[in-house]
Amino acid sequence: MPPRRAVSAAAADGEGLAREQKLLRSADYLRCYRRGRRLRGSLLRLHFAPSPPGRPRLGITASRKVGKAVVRNLLKRRVREIFRRWPARAELPALDVVVHLEPAAAKASYAALAGELGDLLGRLAERSRR
């Protein structure tokens, strides 16, 4: 009998982003960067392109300019959680969205990051309604 895998509390509760809601392949990231459009803020940039599976998916990138691995991973967890809890997420069109963190994000508070990401996602959802 194979050993059982430990399941995190978030996965057990059904929280967190499902595999279908994440960008997993580098080709998807490159498609967003090369063929997609952009929205820019002071803490982050959104790159977005139509999603082949027909539902919104999230990808996050942070270069070493943002900070050491601990800082980059903390920021990525925060972005994932902000996206997961964003109330209007169901209104997003079928887009692949890559959130690229700017170096200024390392010093930003959670509230500032949440505010900017919410604003940019709101602009993205508004564009789709037009």
N, C-alpha and C. Protein backbone atom coordinates (compact mmCIF):
# COMPACT_ATOMS: atom_id res chain seq x y z
N MET A 1 0.84 -1.18 0.00
CA MET A 1 0.00 0.00 0.00
C MET A 1 0.89 1.24 0.00
N PRO A 2 0.68 2.18 -0.95
CA PRO A 2 1.53 3.38 -1.01
C PRO A 2 1.24 4.29 0.18
N PRO A 3 2.26 5.06 0.59
CA PRO A 3 2.04 5.97 1.72
C PRO A 3 1.05 7.07 1.33
N ARG A 4 0.28 7.52 2.31
CA ARG A 4 -0.70 8.58 2.07
C ARG A 4 0.00 9.92 2.04
N ARG A 5 -0.46 10.78 1.13
CA ARG A 5 0.07 12.13 1.05
C ARG A 5 -0.59 13.01 2.07
N ALA A 6 0.16 13.89 2.67
CA ALA A 6 -0.41 14.86 3.59
C ALA A 6 -1.19 15.89 2.78
N VAL A 7 -2.37 16.22 3.27
CA VAL A 7 -3.21 17.20 2.60
C VAL A 7 -3.24 18.45 3.45
N SER A 8 -2.95 19.59 2.83
CA SER A 8 -2.97 20.84 3.59
C SER A 8 -4.40 21.18 3.99
N ALA A 9 -4.52 22.03 5.00
CA ALA A 9 -5.84 22.42 5.47
C ALA A 9 -6.63 23.13 4.38
N ALA A 10 -5.95 23.95 3.57
CA ALA A 10 -6.64 24.67 2.49
C ALA A 10 -7.20 23.70 1.46
N ALA A 11 -6.42 22.68 1.10
CA ALA A 11 -6.88 21.72 0.11
C ALA A 11 -8.01 20.87 0.67
N ALA A 12 -7.95 20.55 1.94
CA ALA A 12 -8.99 19.72 2.55
C ALA A 12 -10.32 20.47 2.61
N ASP A 13 -10.28 21.76 2.82
CA ASP A 13 -11.50 22.56 2.92
C ASP A 13 -12.04 22.98 1.55
N GLY A 14 -11.32 22.66 0.49
CA GLY A 14 -11.74 23.10 -0.82
C GLY A 14 -11.34 24.54 -1.09
N GLU A 15 -10.50 25.11 -0.24
CA GLU A 15 -10.02 26.46 -0.47
C GLU A 15 -8.78 26.38 -1.34
N GLY A 16 -8.28 27.50 -1.74
CA GLY A 16 -7.14 27.50 -2.65
C GLY A 16 -7.65 27.47 -4.08
N LEU A 17 -6.75 27.64 -5.00
CA LEU A 17 -7.11 27.61 -6.40
C LEU A 17 -7.01 26.18 -6.92
N ALA A 18 -8.01 25.76 -7.63
CA ALA A 18 -7.98 24.44 -8.25
C ALA A 18 -6.98 24.44 -9.40
N ARG A 19 -6.55 23.28 -9.77
CA ARG A 19 -5.57 23.12 -10.85
C ARG A 19 -6.07 23.78 -12.14
N GLU A 20 -7.36 23.70 -12.39
CA GLU A 20 -7.95 24.27 -13.61
C GLU A 20 -7.93 25.80 -13.60
N GLN A 21 -7.69 26.40 -12.44
CA GLN A 21 -7.70 27.85 -12.33
C GLN A 21 -6.30 28.45 -12.37
N LYS A 22 -5.29 27.61 -12.60
CA LYS A 22 -3.91 28.07 -12.60
C LYS A 22 -3.27 27.89 -13.97
N LEU A 23 -2.36 28.78 -14.31
CA LEU A 23 -1.52 28.59 -15.49
C LEU A 23 -0.38 27.67 -15.08
N LEU A 24 -0.20 26.58 -15.79
CA LEU A 24 0.80 25.58 -15.39
C LEU A 24 1.94 25.44 -16.40
N ARG A 25 1.69 25.76 -17.65
CA ARG A 25 2.69 25.54 -18.70
C ARG A 25 3.38 26.86 -19.07
N SER A 26 4.66 26.77 -19.33
CA SER A 26 5.39 27.98 -19.71
C SER A 26 4.88 28.54 -21.03
N ALA A 27 4.35 27.69 -21.90
CA ALA A 27 3.80 28.17 -23.18
C ALA A 27 2.62 29.11 -22.94
N ASP A 28 1.83 28.85 -21.91
CA ASP A 28 0.70 29.73 -21.59
C ASP A 28 1.19 31.10 -21.11
N TYR A 29 2.24 31.09 -20.29
CA TYR A 29 2.81 32.35 -19.83
C TYR A 29 3.36 33.14 -21.02
N LEU A 30 4.10 32.47 -21.88
CA LEU A 30 4.69 33.15 -23.04
C LEU A 30 3.62 33.71 -23.96
N ARG A 31 2.51 32.99 -24.14
CA ARG A 31 1.43 33.47 -24.98
C ARG A 31 0.86 34.76 -24.40
N CYS A 32 0.70 34.82 -23.08
CA CYS A 32 0.19 36.05 -22.45
C CYS A 32 1.17 37.21 -22.63
N TYR A 33 2.46 36.92 -22.48
CA TYR A 33 3.46 37.98 -22.62
C TYR A 33 3.58 38.46 -24.06
N ARG A 34 3.59 37.54 -25.01
CA ARG A 34 3.87 37.90 -26.40
C ARG A 34 2.65 38.39 -27.16
N ARG A 35 1.51 37.74 -26.99
CA ARG A 35 0.33 38.10 -27.78
C ARG A 35 -0.73 38.83 -26.98
N GLY A 36 -0.57 38.86 -25.67
CA GLY A 36 -1.60 39.44 -24.81
C GLY A 36 -1.51 40.94 -24.70
N ARG A 37 -2.43 41.48 -23.92
CA ARG A 37 -2.46 42.91 -23.65
C ARG A 37 -2.01 43.12 -22.22
N ARG A 38 -1.84 44.40 -21.82
CA ARG A 38 -1.32 44.70 -20.49
C ARG A 38 -2.13 45.78 -19.79
N LEU A 39 -2.15 45.67 -18.48
CA LEU A 39 -2.60 46.74 -17.60
C LEU A 39 -1.50 46.93 -16.58
N ARG A 40 -1.16 48.17 -16.30
CA ARG A 40 -0.01 48.42 -15.42
C ARG A 40 -0.43 49.22 -14.20
N GLY A 41 0.13 48.83 -13.07
CA GLY A 41 -0.02 49.56 -11.82
C GLY A 41 1.37 49.83 -11.26
N SER A 42 1.44 50.45 -10.10
CA SER A 42 2.75 50.75 -9.52
C SER A 42 3.38 49.53 -8.85
N LEU A 43 2.55 48.57 -8.42
CA LEU A 43 3.06 47.39 -7.73
C LEU A 43 3.10 46.14 -8.60
N LEU A 44 2.27 46.12 -9.63
CA LEU A 44 2.21 44.92 -10.47
C LEU A 44 1.68 45.25 -11.85
N ARG A 45 1.92 44.31 -12.78
CA ARG A 45 1.41 44.41 -14.15
C ARG A 45 0.56 43.18 -14.41
N LEU A 46 -0.52 43.37 -15.14
CA LEU A 46 -1.33 42.24 -15.59
C LEU A 46 -1.10 42.05 -17.07
N HIS A 47 -0.77 40.84 -17.46
CA HIS A 47 -0.69 40.45 -18.87
C HIS A 47 -1.85 39.48 -19.07
N PHE A 48 -2.66 39.69 -20.10
CA PHE A 48 -3.81 38.81 -20.29
C PHE A 48 -4.04 38.51 -21.75
N ALA A 49 -4.54 37.30 -21.98
CA ALA A 49 -4.84 36.83 -23.34
C ALA A 49 -6.02 35.87 -23.23
N PRO A 50 -6.76 35.66 -24.32
CA PRO A 50 -7.88 34.72 -24.28
C PRO A 50 -7.43 33.34 -23.81
N SER A 51 -8.28 32.72 -23.02
CA SER A 51 -7.97 31.41 -22.44
C SER A 51 -8.52 30.29 -23.30
N PRO A 52 -7.68 29.40 -23.81
CA PRO A 52 -8.18 28.29 -24.62
C PRO A 52 -9.18 27.39 -23.91
N PRO A 53 -9.01 27.11 -22.57
CA PRO A 53 -10.01 26.26 -21.92
C PRO A 53 -11.36 26.94 -21.70
N GLY A 54 -11.43 28.25 -21.88
CA GLY A 54 -12.70 28.96 -21.76
C GLY A 54 -13.06 29.36 -20.34
N ARG A 55 -12.08 29.49 -19.46
CA ARG A 55 -12.33 29.97 -18.10
C ARG A 55 -11.11 30.78 -17.65
N PRO A 56 -11.30 31.69 -16.69
CA PRO A 56 -10.16 32.48 -16.24
C PRO A 56 -9.14 31.62 -15.49
N ARG A 57 -7.85 31.88 -15.79
CA ARG A 57 -6.77 31.18 -15.10
C ARG A 57 -5.73 32.21 -14.66
N LEU A 58 -5.05 31.92 -13.57
CA LEU A 58 -4.09 32.85 -12.98
C LEU A 58 -2.68 32.28 -13.02
N GLY A 59 -1.72 33.13 -13.35
CA GLY A 59 -0.30 32.81 -13.25
C GLY A 59 0.39 34.00 -12.59
N ILE A 60 1.47 33.73 -11.87
CA ILE A 60 2.17 34.79 -11.14
C ILE A 60 3.66 34.67 -11.43
N THR A 61 4.29 35.80 -11.71
CA THR A 61 5.73 35.82 -11.90
C THR A 61 6.34 36.94 -11.06
N ALA A 62 7.57 36.69 -10.61
CA ALA A 62 8.32 37.69 -9.85
C ALA A 62 9.80 37.45 -10.11
N SER A 63 10.49 38.46 -10.59
CA SER A 63 11.91 38.32 -10.86
C SER A 63 12.69 38.51 -9.56
N ARG A 64 13.98 38.25 -9.62
CA ARG A 64 14.82 38.42 -8.44
C ARG A 64 14.98 39.89 -8.05
N LYS A 65 14.56 40.80 -8.92
CA LYS A 65 14.59 42.22 -8.57
C LYS A 65 13.61 42.52 -7.45
N VAL A 66 12.57 41.69 -7.31
CA VAL A 66 11.56 41.90 -6.28
C VAL A 66 12.15 41.62 -4.89
N GLY A 67 13.01 40.64 -4.80
CA GLY A 67 13.60 40.30 -3.51
C GLY A 67 14.07 38.86 -3.51
N LYS A 68 14.49 38.41 -2.36
CA LYS A 68 14.94 37.03 -2.22
C LYS A 68 13.73 36.09 -2.30
N ALA A 69 14.00 34.79 -2.35
CA ALA A 69 12.96 33.79 -2.55
C ALA A 69 11.85 33.88 -1.51
N VAL A 70 12.20 34.16 -0.27
CA VAL A 70 11.19 34.25 0.78
C VAL A 70 10.19 35.37 0.48
N VAL A 71 10.69 36.50 0.05
CA VAL A 71 9.83 37.65 -0.26
C VAL A 71 8.98 37.35 -1.50
N ARG A 72 9.59 36.80 -2.53
CA ARG A 72 8.84 36.49 -3.76
C ARG A 72 7.73 35.49 -3.48
N ASN A 73 8.02 34.46 -2.71
CA ASN A 73 7.01 33.45 -2.42
C ASN A 73 5.89 34.00 -1.55
N LEU A 74 6.22 34.87 -0.60
CA LEU A 74 5.20 35.52 0.22
C LEU A 74 4.26 36.34 -0.65
N LEU A 75 4.84 37.12 -1.55
CA LEU A 75 4.02 37.95 -2.43
C LEU A 75 3.14 37.10 -3.35
N LYS A 76 3.68 35.99 -3.84
CA LYS A 76 2.88 35.11 -4.70
C LYS A 76 1.72 34.50 -3.93
N ARG A 77 1.96 34.10 -2.68
CA ARG A 77 0.86 33.57 -1.86
C ARG A 77 -0.20 34.63 -1.63
N ARG A 78 0.24 35.85 -1.38
CA ARG A 78 -0.72 36.94 -1.17
C ARG A 78 -1.56 37.20 -2.42
N VAL A 79 -0.91 37.24 -3.57
CA VAL A 79 -1.64 37.49 -4.82
C VAL A 79 -2.65 36.37 -5.06
N ARG A 80 -2.24 35.12 -4.85
CA ARG A 80 -3.15 33.99 -5.03
C ARG A 80 -4.37 34.12 -4.13
N GLU A 81 -4.14 34.49 -2.88
CA GLU A 81 -5.24 34.62 -1.92
C GLU A 81 -6.15 35.80 -2.27
N ILE A 82 -5.57 36.90 -2.68
CA ILE A 82 -6.38 38.06 -3.09
C ILE A 82 -7.25 37.68 -4.28
N PHE A 83 -6.68 37.01 -5.26
CA PHE A 83 -7.44 36.58 -6.43
C PHE A 83 -8.54 35.60 -6.03
N ARG A 84 -8.22 34.65 -5.15
CA ARG A 84 -9.20 33.65 -4.74
C ARG A 84 -10.38 34.28 -4.01
N ARG A 85 -10.11 35.29 -3.20
CA ARG A 85 -11.18 35.93 -2.41
C ARG A 85 -11.85 37.11 -3.11
N TRP A 86 -11.37 37.50 -4.28
CA TRP A 86 -11.93 38.66 -4.96
C TRP A 86 -13.39 38.40 -5.28
N PRO A 87 -14.30 39.24 -4.79
CA PRO A 87 -15.74 38.95 -4.92
C PRO A 87 -16.26 38.89 -6.36
N ALA A 88 -15.67 39.63 -7.27
CA ALA A 88 -16.17 39.67 -8.65
C ALA A 88 -15.43 38.68 -9.55
N ARG A 89 -14.77 37.70 -8.99
CA ARG A 89 -13.99 36.76 -9.80
C ARG A 89 -14.86 36.02 -10.81
N ALA A 90 -16.10 35.76 -10.46
CA ALA A 90 -17.01 35.06 -11.38
C ALA A 90 -17.33 35.90 -12.61
N GLU A 91 -17.15 37.22 -12.52
CA GLU A 91 -17.45 38.11 -13.64
C GLU A 91 -16.29 38.22 -14.64
N LEU A 92 -15.14 37.66 -14.30
CA LEU A 92 -14.01 37.74 -15.22
C LEU A 92 -14.30 36.95 -16.49
N PRO A 93 -13.89 37.48 -17.62
CA PRO A 93 -14.06 36.73 -18.87
C PRO A 93 -13.07 35.58 -18.93
N ALA A 94 -13.19 34.77 -19.96
CA ALA A 94 -12.29 33.62 -20.15
C ALA A 94 -10.94 34.13 -20.61
N LEU A 95 -10.11 34.50 -19.65
CA LEU A 95 -8.78 35.04 -19.95
C LEU A 95 -7.73 34.33 -19.11
N ASP A 96 -6.55 34.19 -19.66
CA ASP A 96 -5.39 33.80 -18.89
C ASP A 96 -4.75 35.09 -18.41
N VAL A 97 -4.57 35.21 -17.10
CA VAL A 97 -4.04 36.43 -16.51
C VAL A 97 -2.72 36.10 -15.82
N VAL A 98 -1.66 36.81 -16.20
CA VAL A 98 -0.37 36.66 -15.53
C VAL A 98 -0.14 37.94 -14.74
N VAL A 99 0.04 37.80 -13.43
CA VAL A 99 0.36 38.92 -12.56
C VAL A 99 1.87 38.95 -12.42
N HIS A 100 2.49 40.02 -12.89
CA HIS A 100 3.93 40.18 -12.75
C HIS A 100 4.19 41.22 -11.66
N LEU A 101 4.90 40.80 -10.63
CA LEU A 101 5.16 41.68 -9.49
C LEU A 101 6.33 42.62 -9.78
N GLU A 102 6.14 43.88 -9.47
CA GLU A 102 7.18 44.88 -9.62
C GLU A 102 8.01 44.93 -8.33
N PRO A 103 9.25 45.42 -8.38
CA PRO A 103 10.08 45.50 -7.17
C PRO A 103 9.43 46.29 -6.03
N ALA A 104 8.61 47.28 -6.34
CA ALA A 104 7.96 48.08 -5.29
C ALA A 104 6.98 47.24 -4.46
N ALA A 105 6.53 46.12 -4.99
CA ALA A 105 5.58 45.27 -4.27
C ALA A 105 6.20 44.67 -3.01
N ALA A 106 7.52 44.54 -2.96
CA ALA A 106 8.19 43.94 -1.81
C ALA A 106 7.96 44.75 -0.54
N LYS A 107 7.83 46.05 -0.67
CA LYS A 107 7.65 46.91 0.50
C LYS A 107 6.19 47.29 0.74
N ALA A 108 5.30 46.85 -0.12
CA ALA A 108 3.89 47.22 -0.02
C ALA A 108 3.18 46.37 1.03
N SER A 109 2.17 46.96 1.62
CA SER A 109 1.36 46.21 2.60
C SER A 109 0.38 45.31 1.85
N TYR A 110 -0.20 44.39 2.59
CA TYR A 110 -1.20 43.49 2.01
C TYR A 110 -2.38 44.30 1.47
N ALA A 111 -2.81 45.32 2.22
CA ALA A 111 -3.94 46.14 1.80
C ALA A 111 -3.64 46.88 0.50
N ALA A 112 -2.43 47.40 0.37
CA ALA A 112 -2.06 48.12 -0.86
C ALA A 112 -2.04 47.16 -2.05
N LEU A 113 -1.49 45.98 -1.83
CA LEU A 113 -1.44 44.97 -2.89
C LEU A 113 -2.86 44.55 -3.29
N ALA A 114 -3.70 44.31 -2.29
CA ALA A 114 -5.08 43.91 -2.56
C ALA A 114 -5.84 45.01 -3.29
N GLY A 115 -5.62 46.25 -2.89
CA GLY A 115 -6.31 47.36 -3.54
C GLY A 115 -5.93 47.49 -5.00
N GLU A 116 -4.64 47.42 -5.28
CA GLU A 116 -4.20 47.58 -6.68
C GLU A 116 -4.63 46.40 -7.54
N LEU A 117 -4.48 45.18 -7.02
CA LEU A 117 -4.89 44.01 -7.80
C LEU A 117 -6.39 44.03 -8.04
N GLY A 118 -7.16 44.41 -7.03
CA GLY A 118 -8.61 44.52 -7.20
C GLY A 118 -8.99 45.55 -8.25
N ASP A 119 -8.31 46.69 -8.24
CA ASP A 119 -8.57 47.74 -9.23
C ASP A 119 -8.27 47.25 -10.65
N LEU A 120 -7.11 46.61 -10.81
CA LEU A 120 -6.73 46.14 -12.14
C LEU A 120 -7.65 45.02 -12.63
N LEU A 121 -8.02 44.11 -11.75
CA LEU A 121 -8.96 43.05 -12.14
C LEU A 121 -10.33 43.63 -12.46
N GLY A 122 -10.73 44.66 -11.71
CA GLY A 122 -11.99 45.34 -11.99
C GLY A 122 -11.99 45.99 -13.36
N ARG A 123 -10.88 46.63 -13.72
CA ARG A 123 -10.77 47.22 -15.06
C ARG A 123 -10.83 46.14 -16.13
N LEU A 124 -10.24 45.00 -15.84
CA LEU A 124 -10.26 43.88 -16.78
C LEU A 124 -11.68 43.34 -16.97
N ALA A 125 -12.42 43.20 -15.87
CA ALA A 125 -13.80 42.71 -15.95
C ALA A 125 -14.68 43.74 -16.67
N GLU A 126 -14.41 45.02 -16.42
CA GLU A 126 -15.18 46.09 -17.06
C GLU A 126 -14.96 46.09 -18.57
N ARG A 127 -13.73 45.83 -18.99
CA ARG A 127 -13.42 45.78 -20.43
C ARG A 127 -14.25 44.70 -21.12
N SER A 128 -14.45 43.60 -20.44
CA SER A 128 -15.16 42.48 -21.07
C SER A 128 -16.64 42.76 -21.22
N ARG A 129 -17.17 43.65 -20.37
CA ARG A 129 -18.61 43.98 -20.45
C ARG A 129 -18.92 44.89 -21.61
N ARG A 130 -17.92 45.60 -22.14
CA ARG A 130 -18.15 46.54 -23.24
C ARG A 130 -18.41 45.82 -24.53
